[in-house]
Amino acid sequence: MLTKRIIPCLDIKNGRTVKGVNFVGLRDAGDPVELADTYSKAGADELVFLDISATEERRKTLANLVLRIAEKINIPFTVGGGISSVEDVDILLQNGADKVSINSSAVKSPDLINQLAAKFGSQCITVAIDAKQVKGGWKVHLVGGKVPTELDLFEWAKEAEERGAGEILFTSMDNDGTKDGFSNWALSKLSKECNIPIIASGGAGSIAHFVDAFKVGKADAVLAASVFHFKEIAIDDLKEELEKEGIPVRI
């Protein structure tokens, strides 16, 4: 059985790690290079770096910061934010990223997924989806959650898979930063309908929430930020409890 992954997320704005609630009210959470080094040594399985204002500010991801982080860690490293071309991905991979995460650019130009998968391989391509419940359905939002669309979460996830995505990073905007748990219903539906790994994001507040995301939500990996940044949950404690629950993890 494949082990489940624990993935700290570094949301970067102006070169600093930040964290908010429901995508707003950002507060400083520390230096991203120091945090990355800490998580790598603490037993994290992977790391995600999201330059959260790159798309909104119409600029490219901070390649130099990616390089500084890559030099510090020895675990797989996914980078996202402002990626819109094969050339963008090439630069990030050259600077130490193992995978890239695309979001708004994939919705605006779906063929980008095909291009990147063909050039770099599906294992390198994560499609991130930010969605919230609107009138009883789950609708995809772009540009850091600021721009609503009529796109259905589940239909878009399936299309992304068909175009060559290697995994889906689903963030429930309704749950983000609330520490009330993940959207396990949506996660389980995604896991059932897609044949690629689903990463859960948005809502971690306790170890029990991680357990539920794996057992109820059927997630392949769980991404979290504030509970790790502010030392509310230690990764080794989390993995020990997951193992006790019969959830396979890398210790």
C-alpha atoms as a PDB file:
ATOM      1  CA  MET A   1       0.000   0.000   0.000  1.00  0.00           C
ATOM      2  CA  LEU A   2       1.289   3.469  -0.887  1.00  0.00           C
ATOM      3  CA  THR A   3       2.141   5.624   2.089  1.00  0.00           C
ATOM      4  CA  LYS A   4       0.091   8.751   2.702  1.00  0.00           C
ATOM      5  CA  ARG A   5       1.934  12.044   2.433  1.00  0.00           C
ATOM      6  CA  ILE A   6       2.131  14.991   4.828  1.00  0.00           C
ATOM      7  CA  ILE A   7       2.898  18.235   2.982  1.00  0.00           C
ATOM      8  CA  PRO A   8       3.573  21.590   4.668  1.00  0.00           C
ATOM      9  CA  CYS A   9       2.654  24.522   2.415  1.00  0.00           C
ATOM     10  CA  LEU A  10       4.528  27.801   2.208  1.00  0.00           C
ATOM     11  CA  ASP A  11       2.273  30.562   0.885  1.00  0.00           C
ATOM     12  CA  ILE A  12       4.669  33.323  -0.138  1.00  0.00           C
ATOM     13  CA  LYS A  13       3.937  37.039  -0.458  1.00  0.00           C
ATOM     14  CA  ASN A  14       6.681  39.671  -0.685  1.00  0.00           C
ATOM     15  CA  GLY A  15       9.286  37.027   0.082  1.00  0.00           C
ATOM     16  CA  ARG A  16       7.699  35.994   3.393  1.00  0.00           C
ATOM     17  CA  THR A  17       5.520  33.052   4.411  1.00  0.00           C
ATOM     18  CA  VAL A  18       1.958  34.168   5.157  1.00  0.00           C
ATOM     19  CA  LYS A  19      -1.302  32.552   6.243  1.00  0.00           C
ATOM     20  CA  GLY A  20      -4.894  33.768   6.252  1.00  0.00           C
ATOM     21  CA  VAL A  21      -8.459  32.539   6.730  1.00  0.00           C
ATOM     22  CA  ASN A  22     -10.706  31.871   3.710  1.00  0.00           C
ATOM     23  CA  PHE A  23      -7.926  33.357   1.538  1.00  0.00           C
ATOM     24  CA  VAL A  24      -7.954  36.768   3.294  1.00  0.00           C
ATOM     25  CA  GLY A  25      -6.523  38.406   6.442  1.00  0.00           C
ATOM     26  CA  LEU A  26      -2.938  37.330   5.798  1.00  0.00           C
ATOM     27  CA  ARG A  27      -0.426  37.350   8.666  1.00  0.00           C
ATOM     28  CA  ASP A  28       3.294  36.731   8.684  1.00  0.00           C
ATOM     29  CA  ALA A  29       4.386  33.157   9.431  1.00  0.00           C
ATOM     30  CA  GLY A  30       8.152  33.376   9.045  1.00  0.00           C
ATOM     31  CA  ASP A  31      11.076  33.078   6.675  1.00  0.00           C
ATOM     32  CA  PRO A  32      10.334  30.518   3.930  1.00  0.00           C
ATOM     33  CA  VAL A  33      13.900  29.205   3.683  1.00  0.00           C
ATOM     34  CA  GLU A  34      14.122  28.583   7.437  1.00  0.00           C
ATOM     35  CA  LEU A  35      10.678  26.951   7.508  1.00  0.00           C
ATOM     36  CA  ALA A  36      11.512  24.720   4.542  1.00  0.00           C
ATOM     37  CA  ASP A  37      14.692  23.546   6.245  1.00  0.00           C
ATOM     38  CA  THR A  38      12.802  22.878   9.479  1.00  0.00           C
ATOM     39  CA  TYR A  39      10.096  20.822   7.752  1.00  0.00           C
ATOM     40  CA  SER A  40      12.590  18.816   5.719  1.00  0.00           C
ATOM     41  CA  LYS A  41      14.407  17.823   8.919  1.00  0.00           C
ATOM     42  CA  ALA A  42      11.122  17.199  10.796  1.00  0.00           C
ATOM     43  CA  GLY A  43       9.973  14.397   8.497  1.00  0.00           C
ATOM     44  CA  ALA A  44       7.700  16.128   5.989  1.00  0.00           C
ATOM     45  CA  ASP A  45       7.206  14.000   2.876  1.00  0.00           C
ATOM     46  CA  GLU A  46       7.071  16.898   0.449  1.00  0.00           C
ATOM     47  CA  LEU A  47       6.954  20.674   0.443  1.00  0.00           C
ATOM     48  CA  VAL A  48       4.744  23.035  -1.564  1.00  0.00           C
ATOM     49  CA  PHE A  49       5.749  26.632  -2.296  1.00  0.00           C
ATOM     50  CA  LEU A  50       2.974  28.889  -3.628  1.00  0.00           C
ATOM     51  CA  ASP A  51       3.771  32.445  -4.682  1.00  0.00           C
ATOM     52  CA  ILE A  52       0.189  33.476  -3.966  1.00  0.00           C
ATOM     53  CA  SER A  53       0.278  36.978  -5.468  1.00  0.00           C
ATOM     54  CA  ALA A  54       2.255  36.189  -8.637  1.00  0.00           C
ATOM     55  CA  THR A  55      -0.810  35.754 -10.867  1.00  0.00           C
ATOM     56  CA  GLU A  56      -2.651  38.762  -9.453  1.00  0.00           C
ATOM     57  CA  GLU A  57       0.475  40.930  -9.828  1.00  0.00           C
ATOM     58  CA  ARG A  58       1.118  39.509 -13.316  1.00  0.00           C
ATOM     59  CA  ARG A  59       4.684  38.439 -12.607  1.00  0.00           C
ATOM     60  CA  LYS A  60       6.652  35.211 -12.541  1.00  0.00           C
ATOM     61  CA  THR A  61       7.365  33.016  -9.516  1.00  0.00           C
ATOM     62  CA  LEU A  62      10.412  33.968  -7.467  1.00  0.00           C
ATOM     63  CA  ALA A  63      12.966  31.611  -9.032  1.00  0.00           C
ATOM     64  CA  ASN A  64      15.818  32.813  -6.807  1.00  0.00           C
ATOM     65  CA  LEU A  65      13.854  32.003  -3.655  1.00  0.00           C
ATOM     66  CA  VAL A  66      13.019  28.586  -5.135  1.00  0.00           C
ATOM     67  CA  LEU A  67      16.745  27.950  -5.600  1.00  0.00           C
ATOM     68  CA  ARG A  68      17.549  28.983  -2.012  1.00  0.00           C
ATOM     69  CA  ILE A  69      14.892  26.606  -0.657  1.00  0.00           C
ATOM     70  CA  ALA A  70      15.950  23.734  -2.930  1.00  0.00           C
ATOM     71  CA  GLU A  71      19.516  24.017  -1.657  1.00  0.00           C
ATOM     72  CA  LYS A  72      18.273  23.500   1.908  1.00  0.00           C
ATOM     73  CA  ILE A  73      15.973  20.508   1.570  1.00  0.00           C
ATOM     74  CA  ASN A  74      16.153  16.865   0.491  1.00  0.00           C
ATOM     75  CA  ILE A  75      12.461  16.106  -0.097  1.00  0.00           C
ATOM     76  CA  PRO A  76      10.282  16.603  -3.201  1.00  0.00           C
ATOM     77  CA  PHE A  77       9.417  20.245  -3.769  1.00  0.00           C
ATOM     78  CA  THR A  78       6.424  21.602  -5.710  1.00  0.00           C
ATOM     79  CA  VAL A  79       6.321  25.237  -6.835  1.00  0.00           C
ATOM     80  CA  GLY A  80       3.333  27.265  -8.028  1.00  0.00           C
ATOM     81  CA  GLY A  81       2.301  30.820  -8.797  1.00  0.00           C
ATOM     82  CA  GLY A  82       2.441  32.803 -12.025  1.00  0.00           C
ATOM     83  CA  ILE A  83       3.301  29.789 -14.190  1.00  0.00           C
ATOM     84  CA  SER A  84       1.905  30.132 -17.701  1.00  0.00           C
ATOM     85  CA  SER A  85       4.356  28.517 -20.134  1.00  0.00           C
ATOM     86  CA  VAL A  86       6.763  25.665 -20.794  1.00  0.00           C
ATOM     87  CA  GLU A  87       9.591  28.168 -20.337  1.00  0.00           C
ATOM     88  CA  ASP A  88       8.375  29.112 -16.842  1.00  0.00           C
ATOM     89  CA  VAL A  89       8.423  25.474 -15.778  1.00  0.00           C
ATOM     90  CA  ASP A  90      11.847  24.904 -17.302  1.00  0.00           C
ATOM     91  CA  ILE A  91      13.291  27.745 -15.216  1.00  0.00           C
ATOM     92  CA  LEU A  92      11.747  26.453 -11.985  1.00  0.00           C
ATOM     93  CA  LEU A  93      12.953  22.893 -12.552  1.00  0.00           C
ATOM     94  CA  GLN A  94      16.441  24.200 -13.289  1.00  0.00           C
ATOM     95  CA  ASN A  95      16.315  26.077  -9.980  1.00  0.00           C
ATOM     96  CA  GLY A  96      15.524  22.947  -7.986  1.00  0.00           C
ATOM     97  CA  ALA A  97      11.770  22.356  -8.135  1.00  0.00           C
ATOM     98  CA  ASP A  98      10.701  18.719  -8.583  1.00  0.00           C
ATOM     99  CA  LYS A  99       7.127  19.499  -9.606  1.00  0.00           C
ATOM    100  CA  VAL A 100       5.060  22.538 -10.550  1.00  0.00           C
ATOM    101  CA  SER A 101       1.540  23.530  -9.602  1.00  0.00           C
ATOM    102  CA  ILE A 102      -0.660  25.379 -12.082  1.00  0.00           C
ATOM    103  CA  ASN A 103      -4.045  26.867 -11.296  1.00  0.00           C
ATOM    104  CA  SER A 104      -5.484  29.967 -12.995  1.00  0.00           C
ATOM    105  CA  SER A 105      -3.349  29.530 -16.104  1.00  0.00           C
ATOM    106  CA  ALA A 106      -4.642  25.977 -16.580  1.00  0.00           C
ATOM    107  CA  VAL A 107      -8.268  27.125 -16.485  1.00  0.00           C
ATOM    108  CA  LYS A 108      -7.621  29.977 -18.908  1.00  0.00           C
ATOM    109  CA  SER A 109      -5.553  27.784 -21.268  1.00  0.00           C
ATOM    110  CA  PRO A 110      -6.371  24.113 -20.595  1.00  0.00           C
ATOM    111  CA  ASP A 111      -3.996  22.973 -23.350  1.00  0.00           C
ATOM    112  CA  LEU A 112      -1.149  24.162 -21.105  1.00  0.00           C
ATOM    113  CA  ILE A 113      -1.651  20.955 -19.086  1.00  0.00           C
ATOM    114  CA  ASN A 114      -1.177  18.870 -22.233  1.00  0.00           C
ATOM    115  CA  GLN A 115       1.932  20.843 -23.216  1.00  0.00           C
ATOM    116  CA  LEU A 116       3.576  20.533 -19.815  1.00  0.00           C
ATOM    117  CA  ALA A 117       2.738  16.838 -19.421  1.00  0.00           C
ATOM    118  CA  ALA A 118       4.148  16.123 -22.885  1.00  0.00           C
ATOM    119  CA  LYS A 119       7.346  18.059 -22.186  1.00  0.00           C
ATOM    120  CA  PHE A 120       8.068  17.155 -18.564  1.00  0.00           C
ATOM    121  CA  GLY A 121       5.866  14.129 -17.776  1.00  0.00           C
ATOM    122  CA  SER A 122       2.604  13.929 -15.825  1.00  0.00           C
ATOM    123  CA  GLN A 123       4.491  13.099 -12.611  1.00  0.00           C
ATOM    124  CA  CYS A 124       5.802  16.670 -12.702  1.00  0.00           C
ATOM    125  CA  ILE A 125       2.441  18.419 -13.111  1.00  0.00           C
ATOM    126  CA  THR A 126       0.069  19.251 -10.264  1.00  0.00           C
ATOM    127  CA  VAL A 127      -3.169  21.034 -11.082  1.00  0.00           C
ATOM    128  CA  ALA A 128      -4.299  23.099  -8.102  1.00  0.00           C
ATOM    129  CA  ILE A 129      -8.006  23.847  -7.797  1.00  0.00           C
ATOM    130  CA  ASP A 130      -9.459  26.430  -5.410  1.00  0.00           C
ATOM    131  CA  ALA A 131     -13.210  25.936  -5.072  1.00  0.00           C
ATOM    132  CA  LYS A 132     -16.097  26.918  -2.826  1.00  0.00           C
ATOM    133  CA  GLN A 133     -19.747  26.003  -2.535  1.00  0.00           C
ATOM    134  CA  VAL A 134     -22.013  28.277  -4.571  1.00  0.00           C
ATOM    135  CA  LYS A 135     -25.760  27.600  -4.778  1.00  0.00           C
ATOM    136  CA  GLY A 136     -25.332  23.946  -3.889  1.00  0.00           C
ATOM    137  CA  GLY A 137     -22.433  23.262  -6.242  1.00  0.00           C
ATOM    138  CA  TRP A 138     -18.660  23.504  -6.051  1.00  0.00           C
ATOM    139  CA  LYS A 139     -17.350  26.283  -8.283  1.00  0.00           C
ATOM    140  CA  VAL A 140     -13.727  26.876  -9.247  1.00  0.00           C
ATOM    141  CA  HIS A 141     -12.181  30.259  -8.339  1.00  0.00           C
ATOM    142  CA  LEU A 142      -9.093  31.859  -9.864  1.00  0.00           C
ATOM    143  CA  VAL A 143      -6.378  34.399  -8.977  1.00  0.00           C
ATOM    144  CA  GLY A 144      -5.981  33.338  -5.352  1.00  0.00           C
ATOM    145  CA  GLY A 145      -9.725  32.807  -4.954  1.00  0.00           C
ATOM    146  CA  LYS A 146     -10.630  36.330  -6.063  1.00  0.00           C
ATOM    147  CA  VAL A 147     -12.260  35.517  -9.413  1.00  0.00           C
ATOM    148  CA  PRO A 148     -15.302  33.173  -9.464  1.00  0.00           C
ATOM    149  CA  THR A 149     -16.072  30.985 -12.472  1.00  0.00           C
ATOM    150  CA  GLU A 150     -18.946  28.745 -13.513  1.00  0.00           C
ATOM    151  CA  LEU A 151     -16.554  25.795 -13.784  1.00  0.00           C
ATOM    152  CA  ASP A 152     -17.553  22.741 -11.750  1.00  0.00           C
ATOM    153  CA  LEU A 153     -14.859  21.383  -9.434  1.00  0.00           C
ATOM    154  CA  PHE A 154     -15.377  17.724 -10.309  1.00  0.00           C
ATOM    155  CA  GLU A 155     -15.703  18.216 -14.055  1.00  0.00           C
ATOM    156  CA  TRP A 156     -12.574  20.344 -14.123  1.00  0.00           C
ATOM    157  CA  ALA A 157     -10.574  17.864 -12.034  1.00  0.00           C
ATOM    158  CA  LYS A 158     -11.523  15.058 -14.422  1.00  0.00           C
ATOM    159  CA  GLU A 159     -10.602  17.143 -17.464  1.00  0.00           C
ATOM    160  CA  ALA A 160      -7.258  18.058 -15.874  1.00  0.00           C
ATOM    161  CA  GLU A 161      -6.543  14.366 -15.358  1.00  0.00           C
ATOM    162  CA  GLU A 162      -7.461  13.551 -18.945  1.00  0.00           C
ATOM    163  CA  ARG A 163      -5.161  16.306 -20.191  1.00  0.00           C
ATOM    164  CA  GLY A 164      -2.192  14.883 -18.302  1.00  0.00           C
ATOM    165  CA  ALA A 165      -2.185  16.185 -14.730  1.00  0.00           C
ATOM    166  CA  GLY A 166      -0.311  13.877 -12.365  1.00  0.00           C
ATOM    167  CA  GLU A 167      -2.234  14.908  -9.252  1.00  0.00           C
ATOM    168  CA  ILE A 168      -4.909  17.334  -8.064  1.00  0.00           C
ATOM    169  CA  LEU A 169      -4.360  19.763  -5.184  1.00  0.00           C
ATOM    170  CA  PHE A 170      -7.866  20.660  -4.006  1.00  0.00           C
ATOM    171  CA  THR A 171      -8.303  23.569  -1.612  1.00  0.00           C
ATOM    172  CA  SER A 172     -11.728  24.132  -0.119  1.00  0.00           C
ATOM    173  CA  MET A 173     -12.019  27.900   0.190  1.00  0.00           C
ATOM    174  CA  ASP A 174     -14.875  27.424   2.663  1.00  0.00           C
ATOM    175  CA  ASN A 175     -12.589  25.494   5.007  1.00  0.00           C
ATOM    176  CA  ASP A 176      -9.301  27.311   4.404  1.00  0.00           C
ATOM    177  CA  GLY A 177      -7.704  28.538   7.631  1.00  0.00           C
ATOM    178  CA  THR A 178     -10.787  27.763   9.723  1.00  0.00           C
ATOM    179  CA  LYS A 179      -9.192  24.759  11.483  1.00  0.00           C
ATOM    180  CA  ASP A 180     -12.615  23.081  11.432  1.00  0.00           C
ATOM    181  CA  GLY A 181     -11.551  20.113   9.317  1.00  0.00           C
ATOM    182  CA  PHE A 182     -11.343  19.332   5.613  1.00  0.00           C
ATOM    183  CA  SER A 183     -14.203  19.094   3.125  1.00  0.00           C
ATOM    184  CA  ASN A 184     -14.261  15.314   3.231  1.00  0.00           C
ATOM    185  CA  TRP A 185     -17.391  14.915   1.111  1.00  0.00           C
ATOM    186  CA  ALA A 186     -15.813  16.765  -1.805  1.00  0.00           C
ATOM    187  CA  LEU A 187     -12.511  14.966  -1.269  1.00  0.00           C
ATOM    188  CA  SER A 188     -14.105  11.525  -1.350  1.00  0.00           C
ATOM    189  CA  LYS A 189     -16.035  12.407  -4.508  1.00  0.00           C
ATOM    190  CA  LEU A 190     -12.828  13.615  -6.183  1.00  0.00           C
ATOM    191  CA  SER A 191     -10.990  10.472  -5.089  1.00  0.00           C
ATOM    192  CA  LYS A 192     -13.778   8.304  -6.487  1.00  0.00           C
ATOM    193  CA  GLU A 193     -14.027  10.098  -9.822  1.00  0.00           C
ATOM    194  CA  CYS A 194     -10.319  10.616 -10.502  1.00  0.00           C
ATOM    195  CA  ASN A 195      -7.602   8.005 -10.955  1.00  0.00           C
ATOM    196  CA  ILE A 196      -4.731  10.269  -9.914  1.00  0.00           C
ATOM    197  CA  PRO A 197      -3.689  11.263  -6.377  1.00  0.00           C
ATOM    198  CA  ILE A 198      -5.804  13.881  -4.585  1.00  0.00           C
ATOM    199  CA  ILE A 199      -4.112  16.264  -2.146  1.00  0.00           C
ATOM    200  CA  ALA A 200      -6.426  17.713   0.511  1.00  0.00           C
ATOM    201  CA  SER A 201      -6.006  21.351   1.506  1.00  0.00           C
ATOM    202  CA  GLY A 202      -7.982  23.761   3.652  1.00  0.00           C
ATOM    203  CA  GLY A 203      -9.165  23.187   7.208  1.00  0.00           C
ATOM    204  CA  ALA A 204      -6.483  21.397   9.238  1.00  0.00           C
ATOM    205  CA  GLY A 205      -6.863  22.152  12.932  1.00  0.00           C
ATOM    206  CA  SER A 206      -6.176  18.899  14.728  1.00  0.00           C
ATOM    207  CA  ILE A 207      -4.643  15.476  14.188  1.00  0.00           C
ATOM    208  CA  ALA A 208      -8.177  14.062  13.991  1.00  0.00           C
ATOM    209  CA  HIS A 209      -8.802  16.208  10.923  1.00  0.00           C
ATOM    210  CA  PHE A 210      -5.866  14.563   9.136  1.00  0.00           C
ATOM    211  CA  VAL A 211      -7.181  11.131  10.103  1.00  0.00           C
ATOM    212  CA  ASP A 212     -10.608  11.997   8.688  1.00  0.00           C
ATOM    213  CA  ALA A 213      -9.140  13.388   5.456  1.00  0.00           C
ATOM    214  CA  PHE A 214      -7.405  10.061   4.850  1.00  0.00           C
ATOM    215  CA  LYS A 215     -10.119   7.719   6.118  1.00  0.00           C
ATOM    216  CA  VAL A 216     -13.298   9.578   5.131  1.00  0.00           C
ATOM    217  CA  GLY A 217     -12.021  11.853   2.385  1.00  0.00           C
ATOM    218  CA  LYS A 218      -9.859   9.102   0.866  1.00  0.00           C
ATOM    219  CA  ALA A 219      -7.103  11.670   0.235  1.00  0.00           C
ATOM    220  CA  ASP A 220      -3.683  10.483  -0.903  1.00  0.00           C
ATOM    221  CA  ALA A 221      -1.924  13.391   0.787  1.00  0.00           C
ATOM    222  CA  VAL A 222      -2.804  16.237   3.129  1.00  0.00           C
ATOM    223  CA  LEU A 223      -1.405  19.734   2.836  1.00  0.00           C
ATOM    224  CA  ALA A 224      -1.471  22.168   5.749  1.00  0.00           C
ATOM    225  CA  ALA A 225       0.106  25.448   6.724  1.00  0.00           C
ATOM    226  CA  SER A 226      -0.759  27.302   9.926  1.00  0.00           C
ATOM    227  CA  VAL A 227      -0.870  24.262  12.235  1.00  0.00           C
ATOM    228  CA  PHE A 228       2.740  23.586  11.237  1.00  0.00           C
ATOM    229  CA  HIS A 229       3.968  27.187  10.958  1.00  0.00           C
ATOM    230  CA  PHE A 230       2.698  28.126  14.420  1.00  0.00           C
ATOM    231  CA  LYS A 231       3.816  24.818  16.000  1.00  0.00           C
ATOM    232  CA  GLU A 232       0.316  23.634  16.886  1.00  0.00           C
ATOM    233  CA  ILE A 233       1.014  20.161  15.453  1.00  0.00           C
ATOM    234  CA  ALA A 234       4.432  18.505  15.187  1.00  0.00           C
ATOM    235  CA  ILE A 235       4.928  16.349  12.102  1.00  0.00           C
ATOM    236  CA  ASP A 236       6.459  13.437  14.047  1.00  0.00           C
ATOM    237  CA  ASP A 237       3.536  13.437  16.523  1.00  0.00           C
ATOM    238  CA  LEU A 238       1.090  13.555  13.623  1.00  0.00           C
ATOM    239  CA  LYS A 239       2.681  10.613  11.847  1.00  0.00           C
ATOM    240  CA  GLU A 240       2.812   8.579  15.046  1.00  0.00           C
ATOM    241  CA  GLU A 241      -0.935   9.052  15.544  1.00  0.00           C
ATOM    242  CA  LEU A 242      -1.693   8.296  11.896  1.00  0.00           C
ATOM    243  CA  GLU A 243       0.246   5.057  12.174  1.00  0.00           C
ATOM    244  CA  LYS A 244      -1.769   4.115  15.272  1.00  0.00           C
ATOM    245  CA  GLU A 245      -4.914   4.671  13.196  1.00  0.00           C
ATOM    246  CA  GLY A 246      -3.683   2.199  10.617  1.00  0.00           C
ATOM    247  CA  ILE A 247      -2.842   4.864   8.049  1.00  0.00           C
ATOM    248  CA  PRO A 248       0.431   4.022   6.253  1.00  0.00           C
ATOM    249  CA  VAL A 249       2.996   6.816   6.564  1.00  0.00           C
ATOM    250  CA  ARG A 250       6.749   7.170   6.139  1.00  0.00           C
ATOM    251  CA  ILE A 251       8.299   7.424   9.612  1.00  0.00           C
END
